[in-house]
N, C-alpha and C. Protein backbone atom coordinates (compact mmCIF):
# COMPACT_ATOMS: atom_id res chain seq x y z
N MET A 1 -71.92 -11.69 72.67
CA MET A 1 -72.04 -13.50 72.28
C MET A 1 -71.01 -13.65 73.41
N THR A 2 -71.53 -14.51 74.09
CA THR A 2 -70.71 -15.44 74.95
C THR A 2 -69.76 -16.47 74.73
N ASP A 3 -68.37 -15.88 75.55
CA ASP A 3 -67.19 -16.79 74.78
C ASP A 3 -67.26 -18.22 74.67
N SER A 4 -66.63 -18.82 74.79
CA SER A 4 -66.70 -20.62 75.14
C SER A 4 -65.13 -21.37 74.45
N ALA A 5 -65.05 -22.11 75.47
CA ALA A 5 -63.71 -23.25 75.05
C ALA A 5 -64.21 -23.58 73.57
N VAL A 6 -62.84 -23.63 72.97
CA VAL A 6 -63.15 -24.75 71.43
C VAL A 6 -62.63 -25.65 71.74
N GLY A 7 -63.75 -27.28 71.52
CA GLY A 7 -63.08 -28.45 71.56
C GLY A 7 -63.42 -29.03 73.05
N VAL A 8 -63.58 -27.58 74.03
CA VAL A 8 -63.69 -28.51 75.46
C VAL A 8 -65.30 -28.01 75.78
N LEU A 9 -66.04 -29.17 75.68
CA LEU A 9 -67.77 -29.00 75.99
C LEU A 9 -67.96 -28.42 77.16
N GLY A 10 -68.82 -27.70 76.93
CA GLY A 10 -69.64 -26.74 78.46
C GLY A 10 -68.62 -25.97 78.53
N VAL A 11 -67.48 -25.35 78.64
CA VAL A 11 -66.95 -24.34 79.33
C VAL A 11 -66.45 -23.40 78.87
N LYS A 12 -67.74 -22.21 79.51
CA LYS A 12 -68.52 -21.22 79.12
C LYS A 12 -66.88 -20.05 79.97
N VAL A 13 -66.53 -19.34 79.25
CA VAL A 13 -65.22 -17.96 79.55
C VAL A 13 -65.40 -17.14 80.44
N ASP A 14 -67.13 -16.81 80.69
CA ASP A 14 -67.81 -15.98 80.91
C ASP A 14 -67.96 -16.29 82.52
N THR A 15 -68.17 -17.45 83.17
CA THR A 15 -68.61 -18.31 84.17
C THR A 15 -67.66 -18.04 85.92
N THR A 16 -67.97 -17.92 86.41
CA THR A 16 -66.96 -18.05 88.07
C THR A 16 -67.34 -19.03 88.78
N TYR A 17 -66.35 -19.34 89.71
CA TYR A 17 -66.36 -20.64 90.51
C TYR A 17 -66.06 -20.57 92.03
N VAL A 18 -67.01 -21.13 92.73
CA VAL A 18 -67.09 -20.38 94.17
C VAL A 18 -65.50 -21.66 95.01
N SER A 19 -65.52 -22.51 94.35
CA SER A 19 -64.59 -23.56 94.93
C SER A 19 -63.94 -24.07 93.63
N ALA A 20 -62.26 -24.53 94.30
CA ALA A 20 -61.51 -25.16 93.07
C ALA A 20 -62.06 -26.32 93.31
N GLY A 21 -63.07 -27.09 93.68
CA GLY A 21 -63.22 -28.73 93.39
C GLY A 21 -64.31 -27.95 92.65
N ASP A 22 -64.70 -27.22 92.22
CA ASP A 22 -65.77 -26.61 90.83
C ASP A 22 -65.47 -26.62 89.52
N LEU A 23 -64.19 -26.26 89.64
CA LEU A 23 -63.21 -26.08 88.21
C LEU A 23 -63.41 -27.01 87.22
N PRO A 24 -63.49 -26.37 86.23
CA PRO A 24 -63.67 -27.29 85.04
C PRO A 24 -61.94 -28.20 84.53
N MET A 25 -60.66 -27.44 85.11
CA MET A 25 -59.79 -27.96 84.23
C MET A 25 -59.15 -27.07 85.71
N GLY A 26 -57.87 -27.59 85.37
CA GLY A 26 -56.36 -26.42 86.67
C GLY A 26 -56.05 -25.70 86.16
N GLN A 27 -56.02 -24.43 87.35
CA GLN A 27 -55.62 -23.19 87.57
C GLN A 27 -54.51 -23.30 86.57
N GLY A 28 -54.39 -22.13 85.31
CA GLY A 28 -53.51 -21.67 84.80
C GLY A 28 -53.14 -22.76 83.38
N GLU A 29 -54.37 -23.60 83.31
CA GLU A 29 -54.32 -24.40 82.11
C GLU A 29 -54.92 -23.55 81.00
N VAL A 30 -54.41 -23.48 80.10
CA VAL A 30 -54.54 -22.19 78.98
C VAL A 30 -56.00 -23.12 77.92
N VAL A 31 -56.83 -22.54 77.54
CA VAL A 31 -57.68 -23.00 76.39
C VAL A 31 -57.96 -22.21 75.45
N ILE A 32 -57.92 -22.39 74.38
CA ILE A 32 -58.25 -21.73 73.28
C ILE A 32 -59.68 -21.65 73.00
N THR A 33 -60.19 -20.36 73.09
CA THR A 33 -61.62 -20.31 72.89
C THR A 33 -62.07 -19.24 71.57
N ARG A 34 -62.96 -18.87 71.30
CA ARG A 34 -63.73 -18.60 69.86
C ARG A 34 -63.25 -16.94 69.88
N ASN A 35 -62.47 -16.30 70.99
CA ASN A 35 -61.69 -14.94 71.09
C ASN A 35 -60.62 -15.08 71.23
N GLY A 36 -60.05 -16.01 71.55
CA GLY A 36 -58.76 -15.62 72.11
C GLY A 36 -58.09 -17.22 72.71
N ALA A 37 -57.61 -16.42 73.75
CA ALA A 37 -56.85 -17.83 74.88
C ALA A 37 -57.22 -17.37 76.22
N ALA A 38 -57.27 -18.25 77.20
CA ALA A 38 -57.58 -17.83 78.69
C ALA A 38 -57.61 -19.06 79.74
N PHE A 39 -57.25 -18.45 80.87
CA PHE A 39 -57.51 -19.78 81.85
C PHE A 39 -57.77 -19.11 83.01
N ILE A 40 -58.17 -20.30 83.84
CA ILE A 40 -58.95 -20.00 85.30
C ILE A 40 -57.97 -19.59 86.40
N GLY A 41 -58.13 -18.31 87.26
CA GLY A 41 -57.21 -17.72 88.20
C GLY A 41 -57.89 -17.90 89.25
N ARG A 42 -57.30 -17.79 90.54
CA ARG A 42 -58.10 -17.20 91.47
C ARG A 42 -58.15 -15.86 92.48
N ALA A 43 -59.15 -15.10 91.84
CA ALA A 43 -58.81 -12.99 92.65
C ALA A 43 -58.50 -13.28 94.27
N VAL A 44 -57.44 -12.85 94.32
CA VAL A 44 -56.87 -12.08 95.83
C VAL A 44 -57.97 -10.98 95.93
N SER A 45 -58.72 -10.28 95.28
CA SER A 45 -59.54 -9.27 95.74
C SER A 45 -60.88 -8.96 94.53
N GLY A 46 -61.76 -8.32 94.79
CA GLY A 46 -62.72 -8.49 93.93
C GLY A 46 -62.00 -7.75 92.66
N VAL A 47 -62.09 -8.55 91.10
CA VAL A 47 -61.83 -8.29 90.39
C VAL A 47 -63.39 -7.75 89.37
N ALA A 48 -63.50 -6.73 89.11
CA ALA A 48 -64.44 -6.11 88.04
C ALA A 48 -64.10 -6.80 86.51
N ALA A 49 -65.36 -6.68 85.95
CA ALA A 49 -65.13 -7.40 84.36
C ALA A 49 -64.36 -6.73 83.74
N GLY A 50 -63.68 -6.37 82.87
CA GLY A 50 -63.02 -6.20 81.64
C GLY A 50 -61.20 -5.23 82.85
N SER A 51 -60.66 -5.51 84.13
CA SER A 51 -60.11 -5.29 84.58
C SER A 51 -59.10 -6.34 83.85
N LEU A 52 -57.64 -4.78 83.54
CA LEU A 52 -56.27 -5.85 83.76
C LEU A 52 -55.72 -6.15 85.06
N VAL A 53 -55.77 -7.55 84.81
CA VAL A 53 -55.26 -8.41 85.84
C VAL A 53 -53.64 -8.35 85.59
N VAL A 54 -53.00 -9.36 86.16
CA VAL A 54 -51.46 -9.70 86.74
C VAL A 54 -51.64 -10.55 87.21
N PHE A 55 -50.78 -12.03 87.28
CA PHE A 55 -50.89 -13.29 87.68
C PHE A 55 -49.84 -14.03 87.82
N ALA A 56 -49.42 -14.44 88.95
CA ALA A 56 -48.85 -15.20 89.19
C ALA A 56 -49.03 -16.79 89.72
N PRO A 57 -48.25 -17.66 90.04
CA PRO A 57 -48.31 -19.15 90.92
C PRO A 57 -48.91 -18.93 91.86
N ALA A 58 -49.48 -19.64 93.16
CA ALA A 58 -49.18 -18.80 94.20
C ALA A 58 -48.68 -20.03 94.78
N SER A 59 -48.14 -20.73 94.24
CA SER A 59 -47.06 -22.09 95.63
C SER A 59 -46.06 -22.51 94.39
N GLY A 60 -45.63 -23.31 95.20
CA GLY A 60 -43.97 -23.41 94.41
C GLY A 60 -44.33 -24.32 93.31
N ALA A 61 -45.57 -24.94 93.23
CA ALA A 61 -45.92 -25.82 92.16
C ALA A 61 -47.01 -25.12 91.18
N ALA A 62 -46.38 -24.77 89.78
CA ALA A 62 -46.69 -23.60 89.01
C ALA A 62 -47.73 -24.09 88.76
N SER A 63 -48.30 -24.92 88.16
CA SER A 63 -50.09 -25.15 87.99
C SER A 63 -50.60 -25.42 88.84
N ALA A 64 -50.47 -25.16 90.14
CA ALA A 64 -51.68 -25.85 91.34
C ALA A 64 -52.06 -24.88 91.69
N SER A 65 -51.98 -23.41 91.77
CA SER A 65 -52.82 -22.25 92.31
C SER A 65 -52.49 -21.27 91.03
N VAL A 66 -53.55 -20.31 90.85
CA VAL A 66 -52.81 -19.11 90.04
C VAL A 66 -53.48 -17.75 90.77
N ASP A 67 -53.24 -17.02 90.95
CA ASP A 67 -53.68 -16.03 92.09
C ASP A 67 -53.72 -14.62 90.92
N LEU A 68 -54.78 -13.94 91.03
CA LEU A 68 -55.16 -12.66 90.06
C LEU A 68 -54.85 -11.84 91.40
N PHE A 69 -54.25 -10.54 90.79
CA PHE A 69 -54.27 -8.89 91.52
C PHE A 69 -54.45 -7.90 90.52
N LEU A 70 -55.24 -7.00 90.65
CA LEU A 70 -55.47 -5.75 89.94
C LEU A 70 -53.97 -5.67 89.84
N ALA A 71 -54.13 -4.92 88.25
CA ALA A 71 -52.29 -4.25 87.96
C ALA A 71 -53.07 -2.91 87.96
N SER A 72 -51.53 -2.46 88.34
CA SER A 72 -51.63 -0.79 88.85
C SER A 72 -50.24 -0.33 88.49
N VAL A 73 -49.99 0.72 88.83
CA VAL A 73 -48.61 1.31 88.43
C VAL A 73 -47.48 0.69 89.77
N ALA A 74 -47.91 0.16 90.92
CA ALA A 74 -47.77 -0.29 92.59
C ALA A 74 -47.67 -1.61 91.98
N ASN A 75 -48.71 -2.70 91.04
CA ASN A 75 -48.35 -4.12 91.43
C ASN A 75 -48.41 -4.47 89.87
N VAL A 76 -47.41 -4.79 89.73
CA VAL A 76 -46.83 -5.45 87.97
C VAL A 76 -45.86 -5.64 87.47
N SER A 77 -44.55 -4.85 88.24
CA SER A 77 -43.71 -5.37 87.37
C SER A 77 -43.00 -7.20 87.84
N GLY A 78 -42.54 -7.37 86.46
CA GLY A 78 -42.17 -8.87 86.72
C GLY A 78 -43.42 -10.18 86.55
N LYS A 79 -44.65 -9.55 86.38
CA LYS A 79 -45.76 -10.51 86.28
C LYS A 79 -46.67 -10.32 84.81
N LEU A 80 -46.78 -11.67 84.49
CA LEU A 80 -47.85 -12.19 83.33
C LEU A 80 -48.64 -10.67 83.69
N ILE A 81 -49.70 -10.42 82.49
CA ILE A 81 -50.95 -9.57 82.09
C ILE A 81 -52.15 -10.17 81.67
N GLY A 82 -53.08 -10.09 81.84
CA GLY A 82 -54.18 -10.25 81.44
C GLY A 82 -55.44 -9.54 81.76
N VAL A 83 -56.72 -9.68 80.84
CA VAL A 83 -57.60 -8.78 80.93
C VAL A 83 -59.24 -9.89 81.70
N ALA A 84 -59.68 -9.80 82.70
CA ALA A 84 -60.94 -10.60 83.35
C ALA A 84 -61.73 -10.17 82.36
N MET A 85 -62.51 -11.12 81.97
CA MET A 85 -64.09 -11.41 80.96
C MET A 85 -65.05 -10.74 81.81
N THR A 86 -65.49 -11.43 83.08
CA THR A 86 -66.13 -11.11 84.20
C THR A 86 -65.54 -10.67 85.78
N SER A 87 -66.78 -9.84 86.27
CA SER A 87 -66.72 -9.76 87.53
C SER A 87 -66.24 -11.20 88.22
N ILE A 88 -65.22 -10.64 89.21
CA ILE A 88 -64.68 -12.52 89.83
C ILE A 88 -64.49 -11.75 91.33
N ALA A 89 -65.26 -12.43 92.34
CA ALA A 89 -65.77 -11.65 93.67
C ALA A 89 -64.39 -12.24 94.62
N SER A 90 -63.79 -11.44 95.36
CA SER A 90 -62.93 -12.04 96.23
C SER A 90 -62.79 -13.52 96.72
N ALA A 91 -61.33 -14.20 96.50
CA ALA A 91 -61.58 -15.30 96.60
C ALA A 91 -62.08 -16.49 95.61
N GLU A 92 -62.81 -16.12 94.68
CA GLU A 92 -63.25 -16.86 94.20
C GLU A 92 -62.72 -17.50 92.79
N TYR A 93 -63.12 -18.02 91.58
CA TYR A 93 -61.92 -18.17 90.37
C TYR A 93 -63.02 -18.18 89.38
N GLY A 94 -62.43 -17.66 88.35
CA GLY A 94 -62.96 -16.50 87.34
C GLY A 94 -61.92 -16.99 86.40
N TRP A 95 -62.33 -16.81 84.60
CA TRP A 95 -61.28 -16.37 83.30
C TRP A 95 -60.78 -15.44 83.24
N VAL A 96 -59.61 -15.42 83.11
CA VAL A 96 -58.82 -14.51 81.85
C VAL A 96 -58.15 -14.53 80.64
N HIS A 97 -58.78 -14.04 79.81
CA HIS A 97 -57.92 -13.66 78.76
C HIS A 97 -56.61 -13.13 78.38
N THR A 98 -55.33 -13.91 78.12
CA THR A 98 -54.38 -13.56 77.44
C THR A 98 -54.40 -12.37 76.11
N GLU A 99 -55.17 -13.70 75.49
CA GLU A 99 -55.36 -12.88 74.20
C GLU A 99 -56.83 -13.05 74.06
N CYS A 100 -57.08 -11.92 73.22
CA CYS A 100 -58.38 -11.50 72.65
C CYS A 100 -58.49 -10.93 71.60
N THR A 101 -58.77 -11.64 70.83
CA THR A 101 -58.95 -10.69 68.96
C THR A 101 -60.24 -10.40 68.29
N LYS A 102 -61.07 -10.89 69.41
CA LYS A 102 -62.35 -9.92 68.70
C LYS A 102 -63.49 -9.88 70.03
N GLU A 103 -64.12 -9.11 70.23
CA GLU A 103 -64.83 -8.93 71.17
C GLU A 103 -64.85 -8.72 72.47
N GLY A 104 -63.31 -8.07 73.10
CA GLY A 104 -62.86 -8.03 74.43
C GLY A 104 -63.00 -6.47 74.23
N LYS A 105 -63.12 -6.37 76.12
CA LYS A 105 -63.27 -5.14 76.83
C LYS A 105 -62.47 -4.98 77.67
N VAL A 106 -61.69 -3.58 77.71
CA VAL A 106 -60.82 -3.47 79.13
C VAL A 106 -61.48 -2.22 79.36
N ARG A 107 -61.50 -1.90 80.98
CA ARG A 107 -62.01 -1.17 81.85
C ARG A 107 -60.98 0.09 81.35
N CYS A 108 -61.21 1.36 81.05
CA CYS A 108 -60.35 2.70 80.66
C CYS A 108 -60.41 3.85 80.65
N ASN A 109 -60.12 4.95 81.11
CA ASN A 109 -60.07 6.20 81.37
C ASN A 109 -60.52 7.05 79.86
N PRO A 110 -60.81 8.39 80.00
CA PRO A 110 -60.78 8.38 78.82
C PRO A 110 -59.52 8.23 77.58
N ALA A 111 -59.96 7.97 76.41
CA ALA A 111 -58.60 7.29 76.05
C ALA A 111 -58.87 7.51 74.41
N GLU A 112 -57.88 8.15 73.32
CA GLU A 112 -58.06 7.83 72.23
C GLU A 112 -57.73 6.19 71.25
N THR A 113 -57.78 6.16 70.57
CA THR A 113 -57.99 4.52 69.58
C THR A 113 -56.09 4.91 68.76
N GLY A 114 -55.81 4.31 68.80
CA GLY A 114 -54.27 4.09 67.90
C GLY A 114 -52.54 5.11 68.79
N VAL A 115 -53.78 5.08 70.01
CA VAL A 115 -52.14 5.31 71.10
C VAL A 115 -51.81 4.57 71.88
N PRO A 116 -50.61 4.60 72.85
CA PRO A 116 -50.06 3.51 73.68
C PRO A 116 -50.69 4.30 74.89
N LEU A 117 -51.37 2.63 75.87
CA LEU A 117 -51.71 2.92 76.66
C LEU A 117 -51.26 2.52 77.98
N PHE A 118 -51.65 2.94 79.36
CA PHE A 118 -50.26 3.46 80.35
C PHE A 118 -51.16 2.70 81.55
N LEU A 119 -50.26 2.21 82.95
CA LEU A 119 -50.72 1.69 83.85
C LEU A 119 -51.16 3.42 84.65
N THR A 120 -52.26 3.07 85.37
CA THR A 120 -52.62 3.86 86.29
C THR A 120 -52.55 3.70 87.83
N ALA A 121 -52.45 4.10 88.81
CA ALA A 121 -52.50 3.89 90.10
C ALA A 121 -53.50 3.21 90.62
N THR A 122 -54.68 3.32 89.69
CA THR A 122 -56.11 2.71 90.15
C THR A 122 -56.12 1.08 89.60
N GLY A 123 -56.17 0.16 90.51
CA GLY A 123 -56.27 -1.25 90.24
C GLY A 123 -57.01 -1.54 88.90
N GLY A 124 -56.56 -2.12 87.77
CA GLY A 124 -57.09 -3.01 86.70
C GLY A 124 -57.65 -1.96 85.66
N LEU A 125 -57.55 -0.43 85.88
CA LEU A 125 -57.70 0.78 84.63
C LEU A 125 -56.37 1.21 83.90
N VAL A 126 -56.53 1.14 82.81
CA VAL A 126 -55.79 1.86 82.04
C VAL A 126 -56.09 2.80 81.23
N ASP A 127 -55.20 3.91 80.64
CA ASP A 127 -55.75 5.36 80.39
C ASP A 127 -54.43 5.99 79.59
N ASP A 128 -54.99 6.95 78.38
CA ASP A 128 -53.59 7.41 77.19
C ASP A 128 -52.71 8.38 78.25
N ALA A 129 -53.20 9.02 78.97
CA ALA A 129 -52.50 9.48 79.63
C ALA A 129 -50.83 9.35 80.08
N VAL A 130 -49.77 10.14 79.67
CA VAL A 130 -48.46 9.47 80.07
C VAL A 130 -48.25 9.93 81.39
N THR A 131 -48.87 9.29 82.97
CA THR A 131 -48.83 9.74 84.06
C THR A 131 -48.09 8.44 84.40
N SER A 132 -48.18 7.36 84.23
CA SER A 132 -47.30 6.36 85.13
C SER A 132 -45.60 6.20 84.48
N GLY A 133 -45.68 6.39 83.42
CA GLY A 133 -44.27 5.61 82.86
C GLY A 133 -44.07 4.58 82.97
N LYS A 134 -45.48 3.74 82.54
CA LYS A 134 -45.17 2.38 82.21
C LYS A 134 -46.38 1.94 81.38
N ALA A 135 -46.08 1.79 80.41
CA ALA A 135 -46.34 1.79 79.17
C ALA A 135 -46.69 0.41 78.70
N LEU A 136 -47.86 0.11 78.01
CA LEU A 136 -48.43 -1.03 77.73
C LEU A 136 -48.39 -1.70 76.37
N THR A 137 -47.64 -2.69 76.27
CA THR A 137 -47.50 -3.03 74.48
C THR A 137 -48.54 -4.50 74.27
N GLY A 138 -49.34 -4.80 73.11
CA GLY A 138 -50.00 -5.75 72.67
C GLY A 138 -51.31 -5.27 73.39
N LEU A 139 -51.71 -4.28 73.83
CA LEU A 139 -53.04 -3.90 74.23
C LEU A 139 -53.69 -2.45 73.26
N PHE A 140 -54.86 -2.68 72.58
CA PHE A 140 -55.12 -1.68 71.88
C PHE A 140 -56.74 -1.73 71.87
N ILE A 141 -57.20 -0.27 72.28
CA ILE A 141 -58.68 -0.30 72.50
C ILE A 141 -58.93 0.54 70.80
N LEU A 142 -60.41 -0.29 70.37
CA LEU A 142 -60.60 -0.14 69.25
C LEU A 142 -61.43 1.36 69.06
N THR A 143 -62.47 1.73 69.93
CA THR A 143 -63.46 3.32 69.84
C THR A 143 -62.92 3.79 70.97
N SER A 144 -62.48 5.58 70.58
CA SER A 144 -62.01 6.50 71.17
C SER A 144 -63.38 6.01 72.31
N VAL A 145 -63.16 6.99 73.57
CA VAL A 145 -63.70 6.67 74.46
C VAL A 145 -63.69 8.34 75.82
N THR A 146 -64.89 8.71 76.15
CA THR A 146 -64.93 10.21 76.49
C THR A 146 -65.21 10.36 77.89
N SER A 147 -64.81 9.19 78.11
CA SER A 147 -65.34 8.74 80.18
C SER A 147 -65.30 7.76 80.32
N ALA A 148 -64.60 7.66 81.62
CA ALA A 148 -64.28 5.93 82.00
C ALA A 148 -65.21 4.98 81.58
N SER A 149 -64.84 3.85 80.99
CA SER A 149 -65.69 2.87 80.70
C SER A 149 -65.14 1.95 80.11
N THR A 150 -65.43 0.90 79.23
CA THR A 150 -65.12 -0.12 79.02
C THR A 150 -65.38 -0.63 77.63
N PRO A 151 -64.48 0.42 76.62
CA PRO A 151 -64.16 0.26 75.72
C PRO A 151 -64.39 -1.31 74.55
N PRO A 152 -64.69 -1.33 73.44
CA PRO A 152 -64.08 -2.81 72.84
C PRO A 152 -62.73 -2.83 72.86
N ALA A 153 -62.12 -3.74 72.82
CA ALA A 153 -60.24 -4.03 72.82
C ALA A 153 -60.09 -4.91 71.91
N ILE A 154 -58.50 -5.60 71.36
CA ILE A 154 -58.21 -6.64 71.76
C ILE A 154 -56.53 -6.45 72.00
N TRP A 155 -56.29 -7.60 72.23
CA TRP A 155 -54.86 -7.67 73.06
C TRP A 155 -54.12 -9.43 72.94
N ARG A 156 -52.74 -9.63 72.90
CA ARG A 156 -51.92 -10.25 72.67
C ARG A 156 -50.74 -9.96 73.49
N ASN A 157 -50.09 -10.91 74.67
CA ASN A 157 -49.58 -10.93 74.91
C ASN A 157 -49.41 -9.64 75.99
N ILE A 158 -50.26 -8.90 76.36
CA ILE A 158 -49.43 -7.34 77.03
C ILE A 158 -48.42 -7.89 77.89
N THR A 159 -47.78 -6.65 78.02
CA THR A 159 -46.36 -6.69 78.71
C THR A 159 -46.22 -5.04 78.71
N LEU A 160 -45.68 -4.70 79.70
CA LEU A 160 -44.41 -3.56 79.85
C LEU A 160 -43.66 -2.87 78.86
N ASP A 161 -44.16 -1.33 78.37
CA ASP A 161 -42.82 -1.37 77.61
C ASP A 161 -42.12 -0.84 78.39
N ARG A 162 -40.73 -1.69 78.16
CA ARG A 162 -39.83 -1.86 78.85
C ARG A 162 -38.57 -0.13 79.25
N SER A 163 -38.94 0.06 77.53
CA SER A 163 -38.13 1.28 77.16
C SER A 163 -38.82 2.33 77.83
N THR A 164 -40.10 2.34 78.40
CA THR A 164 -40.61 3.52 78.66
C THR A 164 -40.44 3.63 80.44
N ILE A 165 -40.25 2.51 81.39
CA ILE A 165 -40.40 2.72 82.47
C ILE A 165 -39.57 3.67 83.07
N ALA A 166 -40.26 4.47 83.88
CA ALA A 166 -39.95 5.65 84.46
C ALA A 166 -39.17 5.07 85.82
């Protein structure tokens, strides 16, 4: 099912935009959707659907522009985390869910349900292997996977588990 904004006509959060002039609302402006909460940001590099991303204001004016970067062991400290719901080409704009209570998917290496997930060296990908020392809280896969894929997942306010940072 395609997710869409609640109370905002015509906003489908699986849409991407080529220019800032095409955006239905300001970057970083959170909308409530049928599946959770999302906002629009600009991909600094290509982002695959289901990728874990970090985001930060691109300028001094926090609402002017929001840049999206693939989250990885080397690129996460001190930034906010969400999941891209569709593929976003480099320098284009797309939706990121900061909260997803149903129908979400996240890029994941083989993993079991019910265990902590960790950042990997590969941008946008999570794993249940304790290799990075950077565990995530607020992100849960709903189906165990035996190969790299995008299993169903739910999340809310994904953060680093500061007690596990190596």
